[in-house]
Amino acid sequence: MFSYKLPQGGLNSLTIFNDAGDIRFDPPVYELRYTTTVRILEDPRWGLKFKKVVEFGCADMRFLPLLRRTAGVEHILEFCEV
């Protein structure tokens, strides 16, 4: 099991359940995932040890620009189902 405490506090998110049984997250889950990933990659405790990142499910390649600006990441692999 992977456990990680984010530096400078955690992320604030809201989970909303409606009467129809639908669940909505604010901010959206993909934004939380992107933010958490970049924060882990930029954490000085890791000392730029991560060199490769794999993204499964590209969501219109929105995550790629964030990863390209992240120091230390040398290889980015994205697997998109079309």
C-alpha atoms as a PDB file:
ATOM      1  CA  MET A   1       0.000   0.000   0.000  1.00  0.00           C
ATOM      2  CA  PHE A   2       1.332   3.432  -0.939  1.00  0.00           C
ATOM      3  CA  SER A   3       0.902   6.205   1.597  1.00  0.00           C
ATOM      4  CA  TYR A   4       2.120   9.754   1.108  1.00  0.00           C
ATOM      5  CA  LYS A   5       1.576  12.877   3.190  1.00  0.00           C
ATOM      6  CA  LEU A   6       1.586  15.948   0.969  1.00  0.00           C
ATOM      7  CA  PRO A   7       3.906  18.771   2.012  1.00  0.00           C
ATOM      8  CA  GLN A   8       2.339  22.122   2.951  1.00  0.00           C
ATOM      9  CA  GLY A   9      -0.958  20.492   3.848  1.00  0.00           C
ATOM     10  CA  GLY A  10      -3.326  18.401   1.815  1.00  0.00           C
ATOM     11  CA  LEU A  11      -5.693  19.182  -0.992  1.00  0.00           C
ATOM     12  CA  ASN A  12      -9.180  20.389  -0.202  1.00  0.00           C
ATOM     13  CA  SER A  13     -11.879  18.521  -2.052  1.00  0.00           C
ATOM     14  CA  LEU A  14     -15.614  18.117  -1.822  1.00  0.00           C
ATOM     15  CA  THR A  15     -17.615  14.961  -2.561  1.00  0.00           C
ATOM     16  CA  ILE A  16     -21.263  15.523  -3.443  1.00  0.00           C
ATOM     17  CA  PHE A  17     -23.935  12.805  -3.498  1.00  0.00           C
ATOM     18  CA  ASN A  18     -27.326  13.626  -5.002  1.00  0.00           C
ATOM     19  CA  ASP A  19     -30.694  11.889  -4.583  1.00  0.00           C
ATOM     20  CA  ALA A  20     -30.242   9.988  -7.853  1.00  0.00           C
ATOM     21  CA  GLY A  21     -27.141   8.286  -6.425  1.00  0.00           C
ATOM     22  CA  ASP A  22     -24.683  10.243  -8.557  1.00  0.00           C
ATOM     23  CA  ILE A  23     -21.326  11.290  -7.139  1.00  0.00           C
ATOM     24  CA  ARG A  24     -19.562  14.510  -8.090  1.00  0.00           C
ATOM     25  CA  PHE A  25     -16.131  15.636  -6.968  1.00  0.00           C
ATOM     26  CA  ASP A  26     -15.037  19.256  -6.702  1.00  0.00           C
ATOM     27  CA  PRO A  27     -12.429  19.771  -8.015  1.00  0.00           C
ATOM     28  CA  PRO A  28     -12.757  16.899 -10.522  1.00  0.00           C
ATOM     29  CA  VAL A  29     -10.805  13.733  -9.712  1.00  0.00           C
ATOM     30  CA  TYR A  30      -8.476  14.148 -12.699  1.00  0.00           C
ATOM     31  CA  GLU A  31      -7.381  17.567 -11.384  1.00  0.00           C
ATOM     32  CA  LEU A  32      -6.682  16.084  -7.952  1.00  0.00           C
ATOM     33  CA  ARG A  33      -4.674  13.280  -9.574  1.00  0.00           C
ATOM     34  CA  TYR A  34      -2.640  15.679 -11.723  1.00  0.00           C
ATOM     35  CA  THR A  35      -1.923  18.005  -8.803  1.00  0.00           C
ATOM     36  CA  THR A  36      -0.957  15.186  -6.455  1.00  0.00           C
ATOM     37  CA  THR A  37       1.344  13.597  -9.034  1.00  0.00           C
ATOM     38  CA  VAL A  38       3.177  16.847  -9.787  1.00  0.00           C
ATOM     39  CA  ARG A  39       3.527  17.639  -6.081  1.00  0.00           C
ATOM     40  CA  ILE A  40       5.067  14.216  -5.427  1.00  0.00           C
ATOM     41  CA  LEU A  41       7.451  14.597  -8.376  1.00  0.00           C
ATOM     42  CA  GLU A  42       8.528  18.068  -7.195  1.00  0.00           C
ATOM     43  CA  ASP A  43       8.917  17.132  -3.516  1.00  0.00           C
ATOM     44  CA  PRO A  44      12.556  17.800  -2.480  1.00  0.00           C
ATOM     45  CA  ARG A  45      12.563  14.667  -0.280  1.00  0.00           C
ATOM     46  CA  TRP A  46      12.692  12.543  -3.408  1.00  0.00           C
ATOM     47  CA  GLY A  47      15.703  14.418  -4.799  1.00  0.00           C
ATOM     48  CA  LEU A  48      14.602  14.118  -8.435  1.00  0.00           C
ATOM     49  CA  LYS A  49      14.674  10.296  -8.198  1.00  0.00           C
ATOM     50  CA  PHE A  50      11.694   9.842 -10.508  1.00  0.00           C
ATOM     51  CA  LYS A  51      12.846   9.833 -14.135  1.00  0.00           C
ATOM     52  CA  LYS A  52       9.900   8.158 -15.893  1.00  0.00           C
ATOM     53  CA  VAL A  53       6.159   8.717 -15.641  1.00  0.00           C
ATOM     54  CA  VAL A  54       3.474   6.546 -17.223  1.00  0.00           C
ATOM     55  CA  GLU A  55      -0.016   7.947 -17.759  1.00  0.00           C
ATOM     56  CA  PHE A  56      -2.816   5.474 -18.472  1.00  0.00           C
ATOM     57  CA  GLY A  57      -5.748   7.304 -20.012  1.00  0.00           C
ATOM     58  CA  CYS A  58      -4.664  10.558 -21.574  1.00  0.00           C
ATOM     59  CA  ALA A  59      -7.826  12.710 -21.224  1.00  0.00           C
ATOM     60  CA  ASP A  60      -7.045  14.672 -24.378  1.00  0.00           C
ATOM     61  CA  MET A  61      -3.350  14.964 -23.435  1.00  0.00           C
ATOM     62  CA  ARG A  62      -4.045  17.524 -20.677  1.00  0.00           C
ATOM     63  CA  PHE A  63      -1.539  15.978 -18.285  1.00  0.00           C
ATOM     64  CA  LEU A  64       1.381  16.083 -20.737  1.00  0.00           C
ATOM     65  CA  PRO A  65       2.031  19.872 -20.503  1.00  0.00           C
ATOM     66  CA  LEU A  66       2.209  19.625 -16.706  1.00  0.00           C
ATOM     67  CA  LEU A  67       4.670  16.750 -16.837  1.00  0.00           C
ATOM     68  CA  ARG A  68       6.850  18.453 -19.434  1.00  0.00           C
ATOM     69  CA  ARG A  69       7.433  21.351 -17.023  1.00  0.00           C
ATOM     70  CA  THR A  70       8.329  19.059 -14.117  1.00  0.00           C
ATOM     71  CA  ALA A  71      12.066  19.043 -13.386  1.00  0.00           C
ATOM     72  CA  GLY A  72      13.816  15.686 -13.481  1.00  0.00           C
ATOM     73  CA  VAL A  73      11.262  13.792 -15.577  1.00  0.00           C
ATOM     74  CA  GLU A  74      13.120  12.459 -18.612  1.00  0.00           C
ATOM     75  CA  HIS A  75      10.602  10.007 -20.097  1.00  0.00           C
ATOM     76  CA  ILE A  76       6.835  10.383 -20.330  1.00  0.00           C
ATOM     77  CA  LEU A  77       4.779   7.473 -21.613  1.00  0.00           C
ATOM     78  CA  GLU A  78       1.070   7.902 -22.272  1.00  0.00           C
ATOM     79  CA  PHE A  79      -1.239   5.045 -23.137  1.00  0.00           C
ATOM     80  CA  CYS A  80      -4.513   6.255 -24.599  1.00  0.00           C
ATOM     81  CA  GLU A  81      -7.387   4.077 -25.643  1.00  0.00           C
ATOM     82  CA  VAL A  82      -9.019   5.381 -28.813  1.00  0.00           C
END
